[in-house]
């Protein structure tokens, strides 16, 4: 566990709290469930990174950290319940001279997907959307894996790949690959593969529009 020394930071903490919970920030009154925290770390790492404000209630009021074990649980979540393991940095601030708020930060991962372990022992990748941790779309995960593998991504655009791009361009978005498979008269497996390859090349992207992800051309 990190040996943290708190510094005065009431203004810094209040400025962060004023932003509310969002894509890169989450409030945590206390830390008790390592697997649940691993979901947040996975979601941040699979997007653009983020931070946990520990000792801050959901309504933004400062309660202060109640136990130094909170840091240990976050470290356990990052090292034991995230795959690959993540590195978390910690800063501690005193607010109004008494309450202590710990900021636990994780960077965007260079290797995605980062999965977290579920209570049943399975592993799932999450993605941060606004103030929620959303289970990543399976094809999104396959595209991350394809991109991480490196060699073999380049191909000549043509056939189903061009047809898929044209379809998404005409419609603005597609809800799923079943729709695309029907429109293009191909199997769903072929449509899935086309979307995965195009996403790995940053030509299409997955955008969460409640209650689902949709597939669009990259902006």
Protein backbone atom coordinates (compact mmCIF):
# COMPACT_ATOMS: atom_id res chain seq x y z
CA UNK A 1 0.00 0.00 0.00
CA UNK A 2 1.21 3.47 -0.87
CA UNK A 3 2.50 5.68 1.96
CA UNK A 4 0.41 8.76 1.23
CA UNK A 5 1.02 12.13 2.76
CA UNK A 6 -1.96 14.46 2.48
CA UNK A 7 -1.44 18.04 1.33
CA UNK A 8 -3.80 20.97 1.63
CA UNK A 9 -6.06 20.93 -1.38
CA UNK A 10 -9.53 22.16 -0.56
CA UNK A 11 -9.67 24.35 -3.67
CA UNK A 12 -8.38 21.57 -5.93
CA UNK A 13 -10.91 19.07 -4.59
CA UNK A 14 -13.84 21.49 -4.84
CA UNK A 15 -12.94 22.33 -8.44
CA UNK A 16 -12.98 18.64 -9.31
CA UNK A 17 -16.25 18.05 -7.45
CA UNK A 18 -17.86 21.01 -9.24
CA UNK A 19 -17.42 19.11 -12.52
CA UNK A 20 -19.68 16.34 -11.24
CA UNK A 21 -19.36 12.71 -12.24
CA UNK A 22 -18.50 12.35 -15.90
CA UNK A 23 -16.55 10.29 -18.43
CA UNK A 24 -13.27 10.63 -16.57
CA UNK A 25 -14.42 11.12 -12.98
CA UNK A 26 -16.37 9.10 -10.42
CA UNK A 27 -17.22 9.82 -6.78
CA UNK A 28 -16.75 7.08 -4.19
CA UNK A 29 -17.89 7.54 -0.60
CA UNK A 30 -15.90 4.47 0.41
CA UNK A 31 -14.14 1.52 -1.22
CA UNK A 32 -15.14 -1.97 -0.10
CA UNK A 33 -15.59 -4.20 -3.17
CA UNK A 34 -12.41 -4.71 -5.22
CA UNK A 35 -14.23 -6.35 -8.13
CA UNK A 36 -16.70 -3.48 -8.39
CA UNK A 37 -13.84 -0.97 -8.41
CA UNK A 38 -12.08 -3.07 -11.06
CA UNK A 39 -15.05 -2.40 -13.36
CA UNK A 40 -14.50 1.34 -12.99
CA UNK A 41 -10.77 0.98 -13.62
CA UNK A 42 -11.43 -1.20 -16.68
CA UNK A 43 -13.95 1.33 -18.02
CA UNK A 44 -11.55 4.24 -17.56
CA UNK A 45 -8.58 2.37 -19.02
CA UNK A 46 -10.56 1.27 -22.10
CA UNK A 47 -11.56 4.88 -22.79
CA UNK A 48 -9.45 7.95 -22.07
CA UNK A 49 -8.47 7.28 -18.46
CA UNK A 50 -10.08 8.70 -15.35
CA UNK A 51 -10.02 9.21 -11.61
CA UNK A 52 -11.89 8.15 -8.49
CA UNK A 53 -12.52 10.77 -5.81
CA UNK A 54 -12.56 8.64 -2.67
CA UNK A 55 -14.28 10.20 0.33
CA UNK A 56 -16.82 12.10 -1.77
CA UNK A 57 -20.52 11.19 -1.69
CA UNK A 58 -22.67 10.84 -4.83
CA UNK A 59 -24.16 14.28 -4.17
CA UNK A 60 -20.69 15.84 -4.16
CA UNK A 61 -20.42 16.44 -0.43
CA UNK A 62 -17.05 15.73 1.18
CA UNK A 63 -17.24 12.97 3.78
CA UNK A 64 -13.55 12.19 3.91
CA UNK A 65 -11.81 8.83 3.68
CA UNK A 66 -12.86 6.61 6.56
CA UNK A 67 -10.12 3.99 6.30
CA UNK A 68 -6.62 3.78 4.84
CA UNK A 69 -7.71 0.34 3.59
CA UNK A 70 -9.48 2.12 0.73
CA UNK A 71 -6.14 2.56 -1.04
CA UNK A 72 -5.27 -1.11 -0.55
CA UNK A 73 -8.60 -2.21 -2.06
CA UNK A 74 -8.06 -0.01 -5.15
CA UNK A 75 -4.56 -1.44 -5.57
CA UNK A 76 -5.95 -4.95 -5.22
CA UNK A 77 -8.61 -4.18 -7.84
CA UNK A 78 -6.00 -2.91 -10.29
CA UNK A 79 -3.45 -5.67 -9.75
CA UNK A 80 -5.59 -8.74 -9.08
CA UNK A 81 -8.93 -8.11 -10.72
CA UNK A 82 -7.88 -6.29 -13.91
CA UNK A 83 -6.28 -8.07 -16.85
CA UNK A 84 -3.81 -6.81 -17.86
CA UNK A 85 -3.04 -5.31 -14.42
CA UNK A 86 -3.23 -1.54 -14.20
CA UNK A 87 -1.07 1.05 -12.50
CA UNK A 88 -2.96 3.51 -10.31
CA UNK A 89 -1.50 6.75 -8.95
CA UNK A 90 -2.74 8.26 -5.70
CA UNK A 91 -2.83 11.77 -4.27
CA UNK A 92 -4.30 12.74 -0.91
CA UNK A 93 -5.73 16.16 -0.08
CA UNK A 94 -7.06 17.63 3.15
CA UNK A 95 -10.25 19.65 2.90
CA UNK A 96 -11.14 22.21 5.58
CA UNK A 97 -8.26 20.96 7.67
CA UNK A 98 -9.87 17.67 8.68
CA UNK A 99 -11.43 15.58 5.91
CA UNK A 100 -9.09 13.69 3.59
CA UNK A 101 -9.97 12.98 -0.04
CA UNK A 102 -7.89 10.53 -2.06
CA UNK A 103 -7.70 10.87 -5.83
CA UNK A 104 -6.95 7.55 -7.53
CA UNK A 105 -6.05 8.02 -11.21
CA UNK A 106 -5.60 5.53 -14.05
CA UNK A 107 -4.33 6.34 -17.54
CA UNK A 108 -5.85 5.18 -20.81
CA UNK A 109 -4.39 1.75 -21.50
CA UNK A 110 -2.06 1.30 -24.45
CA UNK A 111 -3.20 -2.34 -24.57
CA UNK A 112 -6.93 -2.89 -24.84
CA UNK A 113 -9.15 -4.54 -23.86
CA UNK A 114 -8.60 -4.28 -20.13
CA UNK A 115 -10.98 -6.78 -18.54
CA UNK A 116 -12.20 -6.97 -14.95
CA UNK A 117 -13.11 -10.16 -13.14
CA UNK A 118 -16.78 -10.75 -12.40
CA UNK A 119 -17.96 -12.40 -9.16
CA UNK A 120 -18.46 -15.69 -11.06
CA UNK A 121 -14.81 -15.67 -12.15
CA UNK A 122 -15.41 -14.63 -15.77
CA UNK A 123 -13.67 -11.60 -17.31
CA UNK A 124 -15.47 -8.71 -19.00
CA UNK A 125 -14.31 -5.46 -20.58
CA UNK A 126 -16.05 -2.22 -19.62
CA UNK A 127 -16.16 1.19 -21.26
CA UNK A 128 -16.82 4.55 -19.62
CA UNK A 129 -19.80 6.45 -21.04
CA UNK A 130 -20.77 9.73 -19.30
CA UNK A 131 -20.97 8.69 -15.62
CA UNK A 132 -21.57 4.98 -16.21
CA UNK A 133 -19.47 1.86 -16.69
CA UNK A 134 -20.95 0.01 -19.67
CA UNK A 135 -20.08 -3.54 -20.76
CA UNK A 136 -18.15 -3.10 -24.02
CA UNK A 137 -19.78 -4.37 -27.22
CA UNK A 138 -18.34 -7.82 -28.15
CA UNK A 139 -17.26 -6.59 -31.60
CA UNK A 140 -15.66 -3.55 -29.97
CA UNK A 141 -13.60 -5.95 -27.85
CA UNK A 142 -12.63 -7.99 -30.93
CA UNK A 143 -11.53 -4.80 -32.70
CA UNK A 144 -9.34 -3.84 -29.73
CA UNK A 145 -7.78 -7.30 -29.77
CA UNK A 146 -7.22 -7.09 -33.53
CA UNK A 147 -5.61 -3.65 -33.21
CA UNK A 148 -3.40 -4.79 -30.34
CA UNK A 149 -2.16 -7.76 -32.38
CA UNK A 150 -0.62 -5.28 -34.83
CA UNK A 151 0.58 -7.03 -38.02
CA UNK A 152 -2.05 -8.13 -40.48
CA UNK A 153 -4.39 -5.16 -40.13
CA UNK A 154 -3.67 -3.62 -43.50
CA UNK A 155 -5.78 -4.76 -46.41
CA UNK A 156 -7.05 -3.34 -49.66
CA UNK A 157 -10.51 -1.86 -49.15
CA UNK A 158 -12.96 -3.48 -51.45
CA UNK A 159 -15.84 -5.91 -51.55
CA UNK A 160 -17.68 -6.23 -48.26
CA UNK A 161 -15.48 -3.63 -46.55
CA UNK A 162 -16.37 -0.90 -49.04
CA UNK A 163 -19.99 -2.05 -49.06
CA UNK A 164 -20.13 -1.82 -45.26
CA UNK A 165 -18.64 1.67 -45.26
CA UNK A 166 -21.10 2.79 -47.94
CA UNK A 167 -24.02 1.32 -46.00
CA UNK A 168 -23.05 3.07 -42.76
CA UNK A 169 -22.43 6.32 -44.65
CA UNK A 170 -25.85 6.20 -46.31
CA UNK A 171 -27.75 5.34 -43.13
CA UNK A 172 -25.68 7.48 -40.79
CA UNK A 173 -25.35 4.50 -38.44
CA UNK A 174 -26.34 0.86 -38.07
CA UNK A 175 -27.78 -0.65 -34.93
CA UNK A 176 -26.20 -4.08 -35.34
CA UNK A 177 -24.57 -6.36 -37.86
CA UNK A 178 -27.74 -8.42 -38.40
CA UNK A 179 -29.21 -5.35 -40.08
CA UNK A 180 -26.07 -4.92 -42.18
CA UNK A 181 -25.93 -8.60 -43.13
CA UNK A 182 -29.49 -8.48 -44.48
CA UNK A 183 -28.84 -5.26 -46.38
CA UNK A 184 -25.59 -6.55 -47.92
CA UNK A 185 -26.80 -10.12 -48.50
CA UNK A 186 -23.95 -11.67 -46.56
CA UNK A 187 -23.74 -13.86 -43.47
CA UNK A 188 -23.72 -12.22 -40.06
CA UNK A 189 -20.26 -13.71 -39.45
CA UNK A 190 -18.98 -11.90 -42.55
CA UNK A 191 -20.65 -8.66 -41.45
CA UNK A 192 -19.14 -9.04 -37.97
CA UNK A 193 -15.67 -9.56 -39.43
CA UNK A 194 -16.01 -6.51 -41.68
CA UNK A 195 -17.02 -4.27 -38.77
CA UNK A 196 -14.22 -5.62 -36.58
CA UNK A 197 -11.61 -4.98 -39.30
CA UNK A 198 -12.92 -1.49 -40.05
CA UNK A 199 -13.05 -0.58 -36.36
CA UNK A 200 -9.49 -1.85 -35.86
CA UNK A 201 -8.42 0.53 -38.65
CA UNK A 202 -10.30 3.43 -37.02
CA UNK A 203 -12.71 3.75 -39.93
CA UNK A 204 -15.83 2.98 -37.90
CA UNK A 205 -16.53 3.37 -34.20
CA UNK A 206 -18.96 2.17 -31.55
CA UNK A 207 -21.04 4.93 -29.95
CA UNK A 208 -23.30 4.24 -26.99
CA UNK A 209 -26.80 5.57 -27.50
CA UNK A 210 -28.95 4.17 -24.68
CA UNK A 211 -29.78 1.39 -24.45
CA UNK A 212 -27.23 0.08 -26.98
CA UNK A 213 -24.10 0.71 -28.99
CA UNK A 214 -24.50 1.84 -32.59
CA UNK A 215 -21.86 1.72 -35.32
CA UNK A 216 -20.89 4.92 -37.13
CA UNK A 217 -18.14 6.22 -39.36
CA UNK A 218 -15.29 7.71 -37.34
CA UNK A 219 -15.50 11.47 -37.12
